[in-house]
Amino acid sequence: MPRTYPCLWFDTQAEDAAQFYTSVFPNSEITTVARYPSSAGDRAGDVLTVAFELDGVPYVALNGGPQFTFDEAISITIDCKDQDEIDHYWTALTADGGEEGPCGWLKDRFGLSWQVVPENWDEIAASSDPDRAARVFDALMKMGKIDIAALEAAGDGTA
């Protein structure tokens, strides 16, 4: 299968967004910045695309103009190993104008939606016990940032 990667459409903030994202995630870097050619009129010389990697995963940010914006139909999920990682990414991505959302969802200051979740989500939430699954679901519906201990306690019936 050919390589796939997301292309994120920005008005004019592609480079700022790539710099921000690569500062938040470890082992990340901007790999290429391409500029509009001289034939692009008013945009000549401005940043067109920024290729970057977040911990080895490729992305492209495109300065395409204001006609398209992000919405919750697309989000990027971050599988976090523990509560400290959830707290780190939640804090970093909601900083400087980001928005907290429900159930582990947030929008960063560029409007891109993220899901900040525990990597063992299936173990916490998926269960052959429908009562456990319902308790975890009910607890999750009351959360913004995910609290792993609270979800586990809800699942165990000790919350």
C-alpha atoms as a PDB file:
ATOM      1  CA  MET A   1       0.000   0.000   0.000  1.00  0.00           C
ATOM      2  CA  PRO A   2       1.301   3.475  -0.756  1.00  0.00           C
ATOM      3  CA  ARG A   3       2.122   5.745   2.154  1.00  0.00           C
ATOM      4  CA  THR A   4      -0.763   7.847   3.437  1.00  0.00           C
ATOM      5  CA  TYR A   5      -0.701  10.962   5.591  1.00  0.00           C
ATOM      6  CA  PRO A   6      -3.084  13.776   6.518  1.00  0.00           C
ATOM      7  CA  CYS A   7      -2.983  17.172   4.864  1.00  0.00           C
ATOM      8  CA  LEU A   8      -4.252  19.894   7.196  1.00  0.00           C
ATOM      9  CA  TRP A   9      -5.740  22.953   5.484  1.00  0.00           C
ATOM     10  CA  PHE A  10      -5.030  26.326   7.075  1.00  0.00           C
ATOM     11  CA  ASP A  11      -5.740  29.847   5.919  1.00  0.00           C
ATOM     12  CA  THR A  12      -2.231  31.255   6.516  1.00  0.00           C
ATOM     13  CA  GLN A  13      -1.053  29.527   9.723  1.00  0.00           C
ATOM     14  CA  ALA A  14       0.505  26.295   8.362  1.00  0.00           C
ATOM     15  CA  GLU A  15       4.040  27.108   9.465  1.00  0.00           C
ATOM     16  CA  ASP A  16       2.942  28.389  12.896  1.00  0.00           C
ATOM     17  CA  ALA A  17       0.854  25.260  13.402  1.00  0.00           C
ATOM     18  CA  ALA A  18       3.690  22.932  12.355  1.00  0.00           C
ATOM     19  CA  GLN A  19       6.096  24.735  14.689  1.00  0.00           C
ATOM     20  CA  PHE A  20       3.585  24.444  17.527  1.00  0.00           C
ATOM     21  CA  TYR A  21       2.827  20.754  16.951  1.00  0.00           C
ATOM     22  CA  THR A  22       6.501  19.803  16.659  1.00  0.00           C
ATOM     23  CA  SER A  23       7.165  21.609  19.950  1.00  0.00           C
ATOM     24  CA  VAL A  24       4.445  19.607  21.732  1.00  0.00           C
ATOM     25  CA  PHE A  25       5.325  16.083  20.555  1.00  0.00           C
ATOM     26  CA  PRO A  26       8.701  14.437  21.205  1.00  0.00           C
ATOM     27  CA  ASN A  27      10.898  13.277  18.323  1.00  0.00           C
ATOM     28  CA  SER A  28       9.200  15.682  15.932  1.00  0.00           C
ATOM     29  CA  GLU A  29      10.504  17.966  13.226  1.00  0.00           C
ATOM     30  CA  ILE A  30       9.649  20.149  10.274  1.00  0.00           C
ATOM     31  CA  THR A  31      11.125  18.447   7.222  1.00  0.00           C
ATOM     32  CA  THR A  32      10.252  20.755   4.301  1.00  0.00           C
ATOM     33  CA  VAL A  33       8.823  24.220   3.761  1.00  0.00           C
ATOM     34  CA  ALA A  34       7.616  24.963   0.216  1.00  0.00           C
ATOM     35  CA  ARG A  35       6.686  28.449  -0.928  1.00  0.00           C
ATOM     36  CA  TYR A  36       4.199  29.759  -3.481  1.00  0.00           C
ATOM     37  CA  PRO A  37       5.964  30.412  -6.806  1.00  0.00           C
ATOM     38  CA  SER A  38       6.363  33.850  -8.358  1.00  0.00           C
ATOM     39  CA  SER A  39       3.372  33.099 -10.602  1.00  0.00           C
ATOM     40  CA  ALA A  40       1.088  33.037  -7.520  1.00  0.00           C
ATOM     41  CA  GLY A  41       0.590  36.806  -7.509  1.00  0.00           C
ATOM     42  CA  ASP A  42       0.059  38.293  -4.055  1.00  0.00           C
ATOM     43  CA  ARG A  43       1.000  34.988  -2.379  1.00  0.00           C
ATOM     44  CA  ALA A  44       4.372  34.653  -4.176  1.00  0.00           C
ATOM     45  CA  GLY A  45       7.032  33.718  -1.635  1.00  0.00           C
ATOM     46  CA  ASP A  46       4.518  32.945   1.136  1.00  0.00           C
ATOM     47  CA  VAL A  47       4.528  29.495   2.707  1.00  0.00           C
ATOM     48  CA  LEU A  48       2.470  27.042   0.648  1.00  0.00           C
ATOM     49  CA  THR A  49       3.078  23.749   2.475  1.00  0.00           C
ATOM     50  CA  VAL A  50       4.972  22.540   5.497  1.00  0.00           C
ATOM     51  CA  ALA A  51       5.877  18.863   5.771  1.00  0.00           C
ATOM     52  CA  PHE A  52       6.467  17.729   9.329  1.00  0.00           C
ATOM     53  CA  GLU A  53       6.586  14.628  11.486  1.00  0.00           C
ATOM     54  CA  LEU A  54       5.071  14.096  14.908  1.00  0.00           C
ATOM     55  CA  ASP A  55       7.068  11.326  16.574  1.00  0.00           C
ATOM     56  CA  GLY A  56       7.803   9.855  13.145  1.00  0.00           C
ATOM     57  CA  VAL A  57       4.261  10.180  11.714  1.00  0.00           C
ATOM     58  CA  PRO A  58       4.137  12.379   8.578  1.00  0.00           C
ATOM     59  CA  TYR A  59       1.769  15.319   8.138  1.00  0.00           C
ATOM     60  CA  VAL A  60       1.468  18.186   5.686  1.00  0.00           C
ATOM     61  CA  ALA A  61       0.083  21.611   6.525  1.00  0.00           C
ATOM     62  CA  LEU A  62      -1.227  23.651   3.602  1.00  0.00           C
ATOM     63  CA  ASN A  63      -1.892  27.387   3.460  1.00  0.00           C
ATOM     64  CA  GLY A  64      -4.880  27.141   1.140  1.00  0.00           C
ATOM     65  CA  GLY A  65      -6.906  30.175   2.145  1.00  0.00           C
ATOM     66  CA  PRO A  66      -9.974  30.857   4.266  1.00  0.00           C
ATOM     67  CA  GLN A  67     -12.587  28.835   2.367  1.00  0.00           C
ATOM     68  CA  PHE A  68     -12.202  25.655   4.462  1.00  0.00           C
ATOM     69  CA  THR A  69     -11.933  25.316   8.231  1.00  0.00           C
ATOM     70  CA  PHE A  70     -11.628  22.441  10.650  1.00  0.00           C
ATOM     71  CA  ASP A  71     -14.605  20.843  12.356  1.00  0.00           C
ATOM     72  CA  GLU A  72     -15.141  17.839  14.607  1.00  0.00           C
ATOM     73  CA  ALA A  73     -15.771  15.511  11.655  1.00  0.00           C
ATOM     74  CA  ILE A  74     -12.010  14.908  11.662  1.00  0.00           C
ATOM     75  CA  SER A  75      -9.850  14.617  14.753  1.00  0.00           C
ATOM     76  CA  ILE A  76      -6.421  13.308  15.625  1.00  0.00           C
ATOM     77  CA  THR A  77      -6.288  10.775  18.437  1.00  0.00           C
ATOM     78  CA  ILE A  78      -3.407  10.665  20.904  1.00  0.00           C
ATOM     79  CA  ASP A  79      -3.088   7.326  22.728  1.00  0.00           C
ATOM     80  CA  CYS A  80      -1.499   8.254  26.058  1.00  0.00           C
ATOM     81  CA  LYS A  81       0.343   5.734  28.241  1.00  0.00           C
ATOM     82  CA  ASP A  82      -0.793   7.271  31.542  1.00  0.00           C
ATOM     83  CA  GLN A  83      -2.480  10.213  33.248  1.00  0.00           C
ATOM     84  CA  ASP A  84       0.688  12.314  33.105  1.00  0.00           C
ATOM     85  CA  GLU A  85       0.704  12.083  29.296  1.00  0.00           C
ATOM     86  CA  ILE A  86      -3.001  12.926  29.132  1.00  0.00           C
ATOM     87  CA  ASP A  87      -2.383  15.947  31.340  1.00  0.00           C
ATOM     88  CA  HIS A  88       0.627  17.054  29.259  1.00  0.00           C
ATOM     89  CA  TYR A  89      -1.102  16.921  25.879  1.00  0.00           C
ATOM     90  CA  TRP A  90      -4.366  18.332  27.208  1.00  0.00           C
ATOM     91  CA  THR A  91      -2.590  21.326  28.748  1.00  0.00           C
ATOM     92  CA  ALA A  92      -0.316  21.963  25.764  1.00  0.00           C
ATOM     93  CA  LEU A  93      -3.009  21.690  23.107  1.00  0.00           C
ATOM     94  CA  THR A  94      -5.601  23.817  24.933  1.00  0.00           C
ATOM     95  CA  ALA A  95      -3.068  26.573  25.701  1.00  0.00           C
ATOM     96  CA  ASP A  96      -3.193  29.994  24.073  1.00  0.00           C
ATOM     97  CA  GLY A  97      -6.744  29.868  22.774  1.00  0.00           C
ATOM     98  CA  GLY A  98      -7.521  26.149  22.558  1.00  0.00           C
ATOM     99  CA  GLU A  99     -10.876  24.869  23.808  1.00  0.00           C
ATOM    100  CA  GLU A 100     -11.638  22.028  26.171  1.00  0.00           C
ATOM    101  CA  GLY A 101     -14.384  19.743  24.956  1.00  0.00           C
ATOM    102  CA  PRO A 102     -16.258  16.748  26.323  1.00  0.00           C
ATOM    103  CA  CYS A 103     -15.090  13.146  26.664  1.00  0.00           C
ATOM    104  CA  GLY A 104     -11.377  13.723  26.022  1.00  0.00           C
ATOM    105  CA  TRP A 105     -11.928  15.956  22.972  1.00  0.00           C
ATOM    106  CA  LEU A 106     -10.400  19.397  22.542  1.00  0.00           C
ATOM    107  CA  LYS A 107      -9.659  21.959  19.874  1.00  0.00           C
ATOM    108  CA  ASP A 108      -6.241  23.552  19.657  1.00  0.00           C
ATOM    109  CA  ARG A 109      -5.773  27.265  18.963  1.00  0.00           C
ATOM    110  CA  PHE A 110      -5.911  26.561  15.216  1.00  0.00           C
ATOM    111  CA  GLY A 111      -9.305  24.847  15.505  1.00  0.00           C
ATOM    112  CA  LEU A 112      -8.030  21.302  14.916  1.00  0.00           C
ATOM    113  CA  SER A 113      -9.824  18.662  17.011  1.00  0.00           C
ATOM    114  CA  TRP A 114      -7.873  16.147  19.065  1.00  0.00           C
ATOM    115  CA  GLN A 115      -8.899  13.186  21.196  1.00  0.00           C
ATOM    116  CA  VAL A 116      -6.588  12.717  24.183  1.00  0.00           C
ATOM    117  CA  VAL A 117      -7.284   9.203  25.442  1.00  0.00           C
ATOM    118  CA  PRO A 118      -5.625   6.390  27.392  1.00  0.00           C
ATOM    119  CA  GLU A 119      -3.882   3.830  25.182  1.00  0.00           C
ATOM    120  CA  ASN A 120      -5.649   1.060  27.104  1.00  0.00           C
ATOM    121  CA  TRP A 121      -9.070   2.531  26.356  1.00  0.00           C
ATOM    122  CA  ASP A 122     -10.399  -0.809  25.127  1.00  0.00           C
ATOM    123  CA  GLU A 123      -9.455  -2.459  28.424  1.00  0.00           C
ATOM    124  CA  ILE A 124     -11.146   0.300  30.432  1.00  0.00           C
ATOM    125  CA  ALA A 125     -14.323   0.717  28.380  1.00  0.00           C
ATOM    126  CA  ALA A 126     -14.896  -2.455  26.377  1.00  0.00           C
ATOM    127  CA  SER A 127     -16.288  -5.204  28.461  1.00  0.00           C
ATOM    128  CA  SER A 128     -18.433  -8.268  28.114  1.00  0.00           C
ATOM    129  CA  ASP A 129     -20.165  -6.916  31.236  1.00  0.00           C
ATOM    130  CA  PRO A 130     -22.776  -4.439  29.979  1.00  0.00           C
ATOM    131  CA  ASP A 131     -23.143  -2.900  33.448  1.00  0.00           C
ATOM    132  CA  ARG A 132     -19.405  -2.121  33.613  1.00  0.00           C
ATOM    133  CA  ALA A 133     -19.470  -0.635  30.102  1.00  0.00           C
ATOM    134  CA  ALA A 134     -22.486   1.524  31.048  1.00  0.00           C
ATOM    135  CA  ARG A 135     -20.784   2.807  34.212  1.00  0.00           C
ATOM    136  CA  VAL A 136     -17.635   3.752  32.289  1.00  0.00           C
ATOM    137  CA  PHE A 137     -19.701   5.422  29.568  1.00  0.00           C
ATOM    138  CA  ASP A 138     -21.720   7.400  32.120  1.00  0.00           C
ATOM    139  CA  ALA A 139     -18.531   8.584  33.854  1.00  0.00           C
ATOM    140  CA  LEU A 140     -16.945   9.538  30.528  1.00  0.00           C
ATOM    141  CA  MET A 141     -19.972  11.636  29.537  1.00  0.00           C
ATOM    142  CA  LYS A 142     -19.356  13.872  32.579  1.00  0.00           C
ATOM    143  CA  MET A 143     -15.667  14.481  31.804  1.00  0.00           C
ATOM    144  CA  GLY A 144     -13.757  16.998  29.773  1.00  0.00           C
ATOM    145  CA  LYS A 145     -10.172  15.841  30.178  1.00  0.00           C
ATOM    146  CA  ILE A 146     -10.151  12.105  30.807  1.00  0.00           C
ATOM    147  CA  ASP A 147      -9.378  10.940  34.322  1.00  0.00           C
ATOM    148  CA  ILE A 148      -8.182   7.338  34.002  1.00  0.00           C
ATOM    149  CA  ALA A 149      -8.541   6.532  37.711  1.00  0.00           C
ATOM    150  CA  ALA A 150     -12.122   7.823  37.758  1.00  0.00           C
ATOM    151  CA  LEU A 151     -13.035   5.744  34.699  1.00  0.00           C
ATOM    152  CA  GLU A 152     -11.503   2.620  36.218  1.00  0.00           C
ATOM    153  CA  ALA A 153     -13.291   3.251  39.511  1.00  0.00           C
ATOM    154  CA  ALA A 154     -16.576   3.726  37.670  1.00  0.00           C
ATOM    155  CA  GLY A 155     -16.023   0.498  35.776  1.00  0.00           C
ATOM    156  CA  ASP A 156     -15.221  -1.363  38.997  1.00  0.00           C
ATOM    157  CA  GLY A 157     -18.299   0.121  40.663  1.00  0.00           C
ATOM    158  CA  THR A 158     -16.257   1.885  43.350  1.00  0.00           C
ATOM    159  CA  ALA A 159     -16.896   5.453  42.198  1.00  0.00           C
END
